[in-house]
Amino acid sequence: MTMLVVLVLLSVMLLGGMALARLTEVGTLASGNTAFREAAVQASEVGLNTVFERIREDIGNEEAAQAGWYWPTIQDADANGIPQLNFDAAPTIAVGPYTVAYVAERMCEGAMPVTQPLRQCLVKQEPQDVESQIFDKEALDPPNSRQFRVTVRVTGPKDTQTWVQSLITRGQ
């Protein structure tokens, strides 16, 4: 009888040990996936910085699309706000095991050329200084800066895919 009880207890302990081993494995996999995702988000910074430099320096005519990475108007987007563009044709940057693809859209709607930028486009207006708000002076419109939506797709190991969007401002 004792032998039977010991065998049952050993079987229960064996099953408990196997369940604990499985939980540990799942925890390790989950933490690994989180690490891949965080590394992908960090790699997206390279794409954001590259687009920021290209918008500041490479765009001569803001009203003309450029080589699969820049559009002068807002493009159609899916329910998640990701533009329906061909990211496989977009410029890419290798960051370790990750591939970073990026596109930029000027936040304007309507026909080109833009005739009313304050109505057709998203702009960031700078606040006026206090001196221009004195009653005896005529208040001027504050300078405005154009806004661009940048979407970055990062793909990496274990089919990691991360999307990052940001608004970038380009001054006058």
N, C-alpha and C. Protein backbone atom coordinates (compact mmCIF):
# COMPACT_ATOMS: atom_id res chain seq x y z
N MET A 1 0.83 -1.20 0.00
CA MET A 1 0.00 0.00 0.00
C MET A 1 0.88 1.27 0.00
N THR A 2 1.96 1.26 0.78
CA THR A 2 2.86 2.41 0.85
C THR A 2 3.51 2.66 -0.51
N MET A 3 3.86 1.57 -1.18
CA MET A 3 4.47 1.69 -2.50
C MET A 3 3.53 2.39 -3.49
N LEU A 4 2.27 2.09 -3.43
CA LEU A 4 1.28 2.69 -4.31
C LEU A 4 1.14 4.19 -4.02
N VAL A 5 1.11 4.57 -2.75
CA VAL A 5 1.01 5.98 -2.36
C VAL A 5 2.25 6.74 -2.82
N VAL A 6 3.43 6.15 -2.66
CA VAL A 6 4.66 6.79 -3.08
C VAL A 6 4.67 6.99 -4.61
N LEU A 7 4.22 6.00 -5.37
CA LEU A 7 4.16 6.13 -6.82
C LEU A 7 3.20 7.23 -7.26
N VAL A 8 2.06 7.33 -6.60
CA VAL A 8 1.09 8.39 -6.92
C VAL A 8 1.70 9.75 -6.61
N LEU A 9 2.36 9.89 -5.44
CA LEU A 9 2.98 11.16 -5.07
C LEU A 9 4.11 11.53 -6.04
N LEU A 10 4.91 10.57 -6.44
CA LEU A 10 5.97 10.82 -7.41
C LEU A 10 5.40 11.26 -8.76
N SER A 11 4.29 10.64 -9.16
CA SER A 11 3.65 11.03 -10.43
C SER A 11 3.14 12.47 -10.35
N VAL A 12 2.53 12.83 -9.23
CA VAL A 12 2.03 14.19 -9.06
C VAL A 12 3.19 15.18 -9.06
N MET A 13 4.29 14.85 -8.38
CA MET A 13 5.46 15.74 -8.35
C MET A 13 6.10 15.87 -9.74
N LEU A 14 6.11 14.77 -10.49
CA LEU A 14 6.64 14.82 -11.85
C LEU A 14 5.81 15.73 -12.74
N LEU A 15 4.49 15.62 -12.65
CA LEU A 15 3.61 16.49 -13.44
C LEU A 15 3.76 17.95 -13.02
N GLY A 16 3.90 18.19 -11.72
CA GLY A 16 4.11 19.55 -11.24
C GLY A 16 5.42 20.13 -11.75
N GLY A 17 6.48 19.33 -11.75
CA GLY A 17 7.78 19.77 -12.26
C GLY A 17 7.73 20.08 -13.74
N MET A 18 7.02 19.25 -14.51
CA MET A 18 6.88 19.49 -15.95
C MET A 18 6.10 20.78 -16.21
N ALA A 19 5.05 21.03 -15.43
CA ALA A 19 4.27 22.26 -15.59
C ALA A 19 5.11 23.48 -15.25
N LEU A 20 5.93 23.39 -14.20
CA LEU A 20 6.80 24.49 -13.83
C LEU A 20 7.84 24.77 -14.91
N ALA A 21 8.38 23.70 -15.50
CA ALA A 21 9.35 23.87 -16.58
C ALA A 21 8.70 24.55 -17.78
N ARG A 22 7.48 24.19 -18.09
CA ARG A 22 6.77 24.80 -19.22
C ARG A 22 6.50 26.28 -18.96
N LEU A 23 6.10 26.61 -17.73
CA LEU A 23 5.86 28.01 -17.40
C LEU A 23 7.14 28.83 -17.51
N THR A 24 8.24 28.28 -17.09
CA THR A 24 9.52 28.98 -17.20
C THR A 24 9.88 29.22 -18.67
N GLU A 25 9.64 28.21 -19.51
CA GLU A 25 9.93 28.35 -20.94
C GLU A 25 9.07 29.44 -21.57
N VAL A 26 7.77 29.48 -21.21
CA VAL A 26 6.87 30.50 -21.75
C VAL A 26 7.31 31.88 -21.30
N GLY A 27 7.73 32.00 -20.05
CA GLY A 27 8.21 33.29 -19.54
C GLY A 27 9.45 33.76 -20.28
N THR A 28 10.35 32.83 -20.57
CA THR A 28 11.56 33.18 -21.32
C THR A 28 11.23 33.62 -22.74
N LEU A 29 10.31 32.91 -23.39
CA LEU A 29 9.90 33.30 -24.73
C LEU A 29 9.24 34.68 -24.74
N ALA A 30 8.38 34.93 -23.75
CA ALA A 30 7.69 36.22 -23.68
C ALA A 30 8.69 37.35 -23.44
N SER A 31 9.65 37.15 -22.57
CA SER A 31 10.63 38.22 -22.33
C SER A 31 11.52 38.42 -23.55
N GLY A 32 11.82 37.35 -24.28
CA GLY A 32 12.59 37.48 -25.52
C GLY A 32 11.84 38.27 -26.57
N ASN A 33 10.54 38.00 -26.70
CA ASN A 33 9.71 38.74 -27.67
C ASN A 33 9.64 40.22 -27.30
N THR A 34 9.54 40.50 -26.01
CA THR A 34 9.51 41.89 -25.56
C THR A 34 10.83 42.59 -25.87
N ALA A 35 11.94 41.87 -25.69
CA ALA A 35 13.25 42.45 -26.00
C ALA A 35 13.38 42.74 -27.49
N PHE A 36 12.89 41.84 -28.35
CA PHE A 36 12.94 42.08 -29.80
C PHE A 36 12.11 43.31 -30.16
N ARG A 37 10.94 43.44 -29.54
CA ARG A 37 10.08 44.57 -29.83
C ARG A 37 10.72 45.89 -29.39
N GLU A 38 11.29 45.91 -28.20
CA GLU A 38 11.94 47.13 -27.71
C GLU A 38 13.14 47.51 -28.59
N ALA A 39 13.89 46.52 -29.04
CA ALA A 39 15.01 46.81 -29.93
C ALA A 39 14.51 47.37 -31.26
N ALA A 40 13.36 46.88 -31.73
CA ALA A 40 12.78 47.40 -32.97
C ALA A 40 12.34 48.85 -32.80
N VAL A 41 11.77 49.18 -31.65
CA VAL A 41 11.37 50.58 -31.40
C VAL A 41 12.61 51.47 -31.36
N GLN A 42 13.69 50.99 -30.77
CA GLN A 42 14.93 51.78 -30.75
C GLN A 42 15.49 51.94 -32.16
N ALA A 43 15.38 50.90 -32.99
CA ALA A 43 15.87 51.00 -34.37
C ALA A 43 15.05 52.01 -35.17
N SER A 44 13.78 52.19 -34.79
CA SER A 44 12.93 53.15 -35.51
C SER A 44 13.45 54.58 -35.35
N GLU A 45 14.19 54.86 -34.27
CA GLU A 45 14.76 56.19 -34.08
C GLU A 45 15.70 56.55 -35.23
N VAL A 46 16.42 55.56 -35.76
CA VAL A 46 17.31 55.81 -36.89
C VAL A 46 16.49 56.27 -38.10
N GLY A 47 15.35 55.60 -38.34
CA GLY A 47 14.49 56.00 -39.45
C GLY A 47 13.92 57.39 -39.25
N LEU A 48 13.47 57.71 -38.04
CA LEU A 48 12.91 59.04 -37.77
C LEU A 48 13.96 60.12 -37.97
N ASN A 49 15.18 59.89 -37.49
CA ASN A 49 16.24 60.89 -37.66
C ASN A 49 16.62 61.05 -39.13
N THR A 50 16.63 59.95 -39.88
CA THR A 50 16.96 60.03 -41.30
C THR A 50 15.92 60.83 -42.06
N VAL A 51 14.64 60.58 -41.79
CA VAL A 51 13.57 61.31 -42.47
C VAL A 51 13.62 62.79 -42.08
N PHE A 52 13.89 63.09 -40.83
CA PHE A 52 13.98 64.47 -40.39
C PHE A 52 15.05 65.21 -41.19
N GLU A 53 16.21 64.60 -41.35
CA GLU A 53 17.28 65.22 -42.13
C GLU A 53 16.89 65.36 -43.61
N ARG A 54 16.26 64.33 -44.16
CA ARG A 54 15.87 64.39 -45.58
C ARG A 54 14.81 65.47 -45.81
N ILE A 55 13.87 65.62 -44.89
CA ILE A 55 12.84 66.65 -45.05
C ILE A 55 13.48 68.03 -44.96
N ARG A 56 14.42 68.21 -44.06
CA ARG A 56 15.08 69.51 -43.92
C ARG A 56 15.96 69.85 -45.11
N GLU A 57 16.63 68.83 -45.69
CA GLU A 57 17.66 69.14 -46.69
C GLU A 57 17.32 68.69 -48.11
N ASP A 58 16.60 67.61 -48.29
CA ASP A 58 16.42 67.02 -49.62
C ASP A 58 15.18 67.49 -50.37
N ILE A 59 14.21 68.05 -49.67
CA ILE A 59 12.98 68.45 -50.35
C ILE A 59 13.13 69.89 -50.83
N GLY A 60 13.24 70.03 -52.14
CA GLY A 60 13.29 71.37 -52.71
C GLY A 60 11.89 71.88 -52.97
N ASN A 61 11.10 71.09 -53.67
CA ASN A 61 9.72 71.43 -53.98
C ASN A 61 8.80 70.54 -53.14
N GLU A 62 8.17 71.12 -52.13
CA GLU A 62 7.31 70.35 -51.24
C GLU A 62 6.05 69.84 -51.92
N GLU A 63 5.73 70.36 -53.09
CA GLU A 63 4.49 69.98 -53.76
C GLU A 63 4.69 68.88 -54.80
N ALA A 64 5.86 68.25 -54.81
CA ALA A 64 6.13 67.15 -55.75
C ALA A 64 6.58 65.93 -54.96
N ALA A 65 5.98 64.78 -55.28
CA ALA A 65 6.35 63.52 -54.62
C ALA A 65 7.79 63.17 -54.99
N GLN A 66 8.44 62.41 -54.11
CA GLN A 66 9.84 62.05 -54.35
C GLN A 66 10.08 60.56 -54.13
N ALA A 67 10.51 59.87 -55.13
CA ALA A 67 11.09 58.52 -55.13
C ALA A 67 10.55 57.54 -54.09
N GLY A 68 9.25 57.43 -53.96
CA GLY A 68 8.68 56.41 -53.09
C GLY A 68 8.81 56.64 -51.60
N TRP A 69 9.22 57.84 -51.18
CA TRP A 69 9.32 58.08 -49.74
C TRP A 69 8.59 59.34 -49.29
N TYR A 70 8.25 60.24 -50.21
CA TYR A 70 7.62 61.50 -49.82
C TYR A 70 6.40 61.79 -50.70
N TRP A 71 5.30 62.18 -50.05
CA TRP A 71 4.07 62.58 -50.75
C TRP A 71 3.66 63.94 -50.22
N PRO A 72 3.23 64.86 -51.12
CA PRO A 72 2.88 66.22 -50.69
C PRO A 72 1.51 66.33 -50.04
N THR A 73 0.71 65.27 -50.09
CA THR A 73 -0.61 65.28 -49.46
C THR A 73 -0.78 64.05 -48.59
N ILE A 74 -1.79 64.09 -47.74
CA ILE A 74 -2.10 62.96 -46.87
C ILE A 74 -2.60 61.80 -47.73
N GLN A 75 -2.04 60.62 -47.53
CA GLN A 75 -2.42 59.42 -48.28
C GLN A 75 -3.49 58.64 -47.51
N ASP A 76 -4.22 57.79 -48.23
CA ASP A 76 -5.23 56.95 -47.58
C ASP A 76 -4.56 56.07 -46.54
N ALA A 77 -5.26 55.87 -45.42
CA ALA A 77 -4.71 55.07 -44.32
C ALA A 77 -5.71 54.00 -43.92
N ASP A 78 -5.21 52.96 -43.28
CA ASP A 78 -6.10 51.90 -42.79
C ASP A 78 -6.69 52.32 -41.44
N ALA A 79 -7.41 51.42 -40.79
CA ALA A 79 -8.07 51.73 -39.53
C ALA A 79 -7.08 52.06 -38.42
N ASN A 80 -5.84 51.62 -38.54
CA ASN A 80 -4.81 51.90 -37.54
C ASN A 80 -4.04 53.18 -37.83
N GLY A 81 -4.37 53.87 -38.92
CA GLY A 81 -3.70 55.12 -39.27
C GLY A 81 -2.43 54.93 -40.07
N ILE A 82 -2.17 53.71 -40.53
CA ILE A 82 -0.96 53.44 -41.31
C ILE A 82 -1.28 53.71 -42.77
N PRO A 83 -0.49 54.56 -43.43
CA PRO A 83 -0.77 54.88 -44.83
C PRO A 83 -0.68 53.63 -45.72
N GLN A 84 -1.58 53.56 -46.68
CA GLN A 84 -1.64 52.42 -47.60
C GLN A 84 -0.65 52.64 -48.74
N LEU A 85 0.62 52.54 -48.41
CA LEU A 85 1.70 52.74 -49.37
C LEU A 85 2.52 51.47 -49.46
N ASN A 86 3.31 51.35 -50.49
CA ASN A 86 4.16 50.18 -50.68
C ASN A 86 5.46 50.37 -49.89
N PHE A 87 5.49 49.85 -48.67
CA PHE A 87 6.68 49.99 -47.84
C PHE A 87 7.85 49.15 -48.36
N ASP A 88 7.56 48.16 -49.21
CA ASP A 88 8.64 47.37 -49.80
C ASP A 88 9.45 48.18 -50.81
N ALA A 89 8.83 49.23 -51.37
CA ALA A 89 9.52 50.10 -52.33
C ALA A 89 10.14 51.32 -51.65
N ALA A 90 9.87 51.50 -50.37
CA ALA A 90 10.39 52.65 -49.64
C ALA A 90 11.88 52.47 -49.35
N PRO A 91 12.60 53.57 -49.14
CA PRO A 91 14.01 53.45 -48.77
C PRO A 91 14.17 52.68 -47.46
N THR A 92 15.23 51.90 -47.35
CA THR A 92 15.46 51.12 -46.14
C THR A 92 16.85 51.40 -45.59
N ILE A 93 16.97 51.15 -44.29
CA ILE A 93 18.23 51.29 -43.58
C ILE A 93 18.40 50.01 -42.77
N ALA A 94 19.58 49.42 -42.79
CA ALA A 94 19.87 48.24 -41.97
C ALA A 94 20.42 48.71 -40.63
N VAL A 95 19.76 48.26 -39.55
CA VAL A 95 20.22 48.57 -38.20
C VAL A 95 20.38 47.22 -37.49
N GLY A 96 21.58 46.70 -37.52
CA GLY A 96 21.81 45.36 -36.97
C GLY A 96 20.97 44.36 -37.74
N PRO A 97 20.20 43.51 -37.03
CA PRO A 97 19.35 42.54 -37.73
C PRO A 97 18.01 43.12 -38.19
N TYR A 98 17.79 44.40 -37.97
CA TYR A 98 16.51 45.03 -38.30
C TYR A 98 16.61 45.80 -39.61
N THR A 99 15.48 45.86 -40.32
CA THR A 99 15.38 46.65 -41.54
C THR A 99 14.35 47.75 -41.29
N VAL A 100 14.76 48.98 -41.49
CA VAL A 100 13.92 50.14 -41.22
C VAL A 100 13.51 50.75 -42.56
N ALA A 101 12.19 50.82 -42.82
CA ALA A 101 11.65 51.47 -44.02
C ALA A 101 10.84 52.69 -43.58
N TYR A 102 10.89 53.76 -44.36
CA TYR A 102 10.20 54.99 -43.94
C TYR A 102 9.53 55.69 -45.11
N VAL A 103 8.44 56.39 -44.78
CA VAL A 103 7.75 57.27 -45.73
C VAL A 103 7.35 58.54 -44.98
N ALA A 104 7.15 59.62 -45.74
CA ALA A 104 6.74 60.90 -45.15
C ALA A 104 5.63 61.49 -46.01
N GLU A 105 4.67 62.13 -45.33
CA GLU A 105 3.57 62.80 -46.02
C GLU A 105 3.45 64.21 -45.45
N ARG A 106 3.31 65.19 -46.34
CA ARG A 106 3.01 66.53 -45.86
C ARG A 106 1.54 66.52 -45.47
N MET A 107 1.22 67.11 -44.36
CA MET A 107 -0.13 67.07 -43.84
C MET A 107 -1.02 68.12 -44.50
N CYS A 108 -1.24 67.93 -45.81
CA CYS A 108 -2.08 68.83 -46.60
C CYS A 108 -3.15 68.02 -47.30
N GLU A 109 -4.30 68.65 -47.49
CA GLU A 109 -5.39 68.02 -48.23
C GLU A 109 -5.75 68.91 -49.40
N GLY A 110 -6.34 68.30 -50.41
CA GLY A 110 -6.81 69.07 -51.55
C GLY A 110 -5.83 69.06 -52.69
N ALA A 111 -6.16 69.85 -53.69
CA ALA A 111 -5.37 69.88 -54.93
C ALA A 111 -4.08 70.64 -54.73
N MET A 112 -3.08 70.24 -55.49
CA MET A 112 -1.81 70.94 -55.50
C MET A 112 -1.84 71.94 -56.65
N PRO A 113 -1.24 73.06 -56.62
CA PRO A 113 -0.45 73.58 -55.52
C PRO A 113 -1.35 74.10 -54.39
N VAL A 114 -0.78 74.16 -53.19
CA VAL A 114 -1.50 74.64 -52.03
C VAL A 114 -1.69 76.15 -52.17
N THR A 115 -2.94 76.58 -52.18
CA THR A 115 -3.23 78.01 -52.33
C THR A 115 -3.54 78.67 -50.99
N GLN A 116 -4.05 77.88 -50.05
CA GLN A 116 -4.37 78.40 -48.71
C GLN A 116 -3.74 77.48 -47.66
N PRO A 117 -2.46 77.65 -47.39
CA PRO A 117 -1.77 76.71 -46.51
C PRO A 117 -2.34 76.63 -45.10
N LEU A 118 -2.88 77.72 -44.59
CA LEU A 118 -3.43 77.68 -43.24
C LEU A 118 -4.75 76.91 -43.19
N ARG A 119 -5.42 76.73 -44.33
CA ARG A 119 -6.67 75.97 -44.37
C ARG A 119 -6.46 74.56 -44.88
N GLN A 120 -5.55 74.37 -45.83
CA GLN A 120 -5.35 73.07 -46.45
C GLN A 120 -4.35 72.20 -45.70
N CYS A 121 -3.47 72.79 -44.93
CA CYS A 121 -2.38 72.04 -44.32
C CYS A 121 -2.39 72.18 -42.79
N LEU A 122 -1.83 71.16 -42.16
CA LEU A 122 -1.61 71.22 -40.72
C LEU A 122 -0.32 72.00 -40.50
N VAL A 123 -0.41 73.10 -39.78
CA VAL A 123 0.77 73.93 -39.51
C VAL A 123 0.88 74.16 -38.01
N LYS A 124 2.09 74.41 -37.59
CA LYS A 124 2.34 74.75 -36.19
C LYS A 124 2.63 76.24 -36.16
N GLN A 125 1.77 76.97 -35.47
CA GLN A 125 1.97 78.42 -35.41
C GLN A 125 2.74 78.77 -34.14
N GLU A 126 3.70 79.65 -34.31
CA GLU A 126 4.50 80.11 -33.19
C GLU A 126 3.73 81.21 -32.47
N PRO A 127 3.77 81.25 -31.15
CA PRO A 127 3.07 82.33 -30.43
C PRO A 127 3.75 83.67 -30.70
N GLN A 128 2.93 84.73 -30.69
CA GLN A 128 3.47 86.06 -30.92
C GLN A 128 4.10 86.58 -29.64
N ASP A 129 5.05 87.47 -29.81
CA ASP A 129 5.65 88.07 -28.63
C ASP A 129 4.71 89.12 -28.04
N VAL A 130 4.96 89.48 -26.82
CA VAL A 130 4.06 90.38 -26.10
C VAL A 130 4.02 91.76 -26.75
N GLU A 131 5.12 92.23 -27.30
CA GLU A 131 5.17 93.57 -27.89
C GLU A 131 4.18 93.73 -29.04
N SER A 132 3.97 92.67 -29.83
CA SER A 132 3.07 92.79 -30.97
C SER A 132 1.61 92.76 -30.54
N GLN A 133 1.35 92.47 -29.28
CA GLN A 133 -0.03 92.43 -28.80
C GLN A 133 -0.45 93.73 -28.11
N ILE A 134 0.43 94.70 -28.10
CA ILE A 134 0.09 96.00 -27.51
C ILE A 134 -0.94 96.66 -28.41
N PHE A 135 -1.88 97.37 -27.83
CA PHE A 135 -3.02 97.89 -28.57
C PHE A 135 -2.67 98.88 -29.67
N ASP A 136 -1.60 99.62 -29.51
CA ASP A 136 -1.31 100.61 -30.54
C ASP A 136 -0.56 100.03 -31.74
N LYS A 137 -0.22 98.76 -31.70
CA LYS A 137 0.44 98.12 -32.84
C LYS A 137 -0.51 97.13 -33.48
N GLU A 138 -0.36 96.98 -34.77
CA GLU A 138 -1.17 96.01 -35.49
C GLU A 138 -0.57 94.61 -35.30
N ALA A 139 -1.39 93.66 -34.86
CA ALA A 139 -0.89 92.29 -34.64
C ALA A 139 -0.68 91.59 -35.97
N LEU A 140 0.48 90.97 -36.12
CA LEU A 140 0.80 90.25 -37.33
C LEU A 140 0.51 88.77 -37.14
N ASP A 141 0.26 88.08 -38.25
CA ASP A 141 0.10 86.64 -38.14
C ASP A 141 1.44 86.04 -37.72
N PRO A 142 1.40 85.10 -36.79
CA PRO A 142 2.66 84.49 -36.37
C PRO A 142 3.22 83.62 -37.49
N PRO A 143 4.53 83.41 -37.51
CA PRO A 143 5.09 82.52 -38.53
C PRO A 143 4.58 81.10 -38.30
N ASN A 144 4.49 80.35 -39.37
CA ASN A 144 4.02 78.97 -39.20
C ASN A 144 5.03 78.01 -39.81
N SER A 145 4.99 76.80 -39.30
CA SER A 145 5.88 75.74 -39.76
C SER A 145 5.03 74.60 -40.28
N ARG A 146 5.47 74.00 -41.38
CA ARG A 146 4.71 72.90 -41.96
C ARG A 146 4.93 71.62 -41.19
N GLN A 147 3.88 70.79 -41.17
CA GLN A 147 3.92 69.52 -40.45
C GLN A 147 3.96 68.36 -41.44
N PHE A 148 4.73 67.35 -41.12
CA PHE A 148 4.86 66.14 -41.93
C PHE A 148 4.62 64.93 -41.03
N ARG A 149 3.84 63.97 -41.53
CA ARG A 149 3.64 62.72 -40.80
C ARG A 149 4.63 61.71 -41.35
N VAL A 150 5.42 61.15 -40.46
CA VAL A 150 6.41 60.14 -40.83
C VAL A 150 5.95 58.80 -40.29
N THR A 151 5.97 57.79 -41.13
CA THR A 151 5.64 56.43 -40.72
C THR A 151 6.86 55.56 -40.97
N VAL A 152 7.27 54.83 -39.94
CA VAL A 152 8.45 53.97 -40.01
C VAL A 152 8.01 52.54 -39.72
N ARG A 153 8.43 51.62 -40.60
CA ARG A 153 8.18 50.18 -40.37
C ARG A 153 9.51 49.51 -40.11
N VAL A 154 9.60 48.79 -38.99
CA VAL A 154 10.81 48.07 -38.64
C VAL A 154 10.49 46.58 -38.65
N THR A 155 11.24 45.81 -39.41
CA THR A 155 11.09 44.36 -39.41
C THR A 155 12.39 43.75 -38.92
N GLY A 156 12.24 42.61 -38.23
CA GLY A 156 13.44 42.00 -37.66
C GLY A 156 13.28 40.53 -37.38
N PRO A 157 14.11 39.99 -36.50
CA PRO A 157 14.10 38.56 -36.18
C PRO A 157 12.75 38.10 -35.63
N LYS A 158 12.47 36.85 -35.83
CA LYS A 158 11.23 36.23 -35.34
C LYS A 158 9.99 36.95 -35.85
N ASP A 159 10.05 37.43 -37.08
CA ASP A 159 8.93 38.15 -37.70
C ASP A 159 8.48 39.37 -36.90
N THR A 160 9.41 39.99 -36.19
CA THR A 160 9.10 41.21 -35.45
C THR A 160 8.77 42.30 -36.45
N GLN A 161 7.64 42.98 -36.23
CA GLN A 161 7.28 44.12 -37.08
C GLN A 161 6.70 45.20 -36.18
N THR A 162 7.32 46.35 -36.22
CA THR A 162 6.91 47.47 -35.38
C THR A 162 6.66 48.68 -36.27
N TRP A 163 5.58 49.41 -35.99
CA TRP A 163 5.25 50.62 -36.73
C TRP A 163 5.35 51.79 -35.77
N VAL A 164 5.97 52.87 -36.23
CA VAL A 164 6.11 54.09 -35.42
C VAL A 164 5.70 55.26 -36.31
N GLN A 165 4.91 56.17 -35.74
CA GLN A 165 4.54 57.39 -36.47
C GLN A 165 4.90 58.60 -35.62
N SER A 166 5.27 59.67 -36.31
CA SER A 166 5.61 60.90 -35.62
C SER A 166 5.31 62.09 -36.52
N LEU A 167 5.06 63.23 -35.92
CA LEU A 167 4.93 64.48 -36.68
C LEU A 167 6.27 65.20 -36.62
N ILE A 168 6.69 65.70 -37.77
CA ILE A 168 7.94 66.45 -37.87
C ILE A 168 7.61 67.84 -38.38
N THR A 169 8.25 68.84 -37.82
CA THR A 169 8.02 70.22 -38.20
C THR A 169 9.17 70.73 -39.05
N ARG A 170 8.83 71.37 -40.14
CA ARG A 170 9.85 72.02 -40.98
C ARG A 170 9.54 73.49 -40.99
N GLY A 171 10.47 74.30 -40.53
CA GLY A 171 10.26 75.74 -40.43
C GLY A 171 10.35 76.44 -41.76
N GLN A 172 10.09 77.73 -41.72
CA GLN A 172 10.10 78.56 -42.93
C GLN A 172 11.48 78.62 -43.52
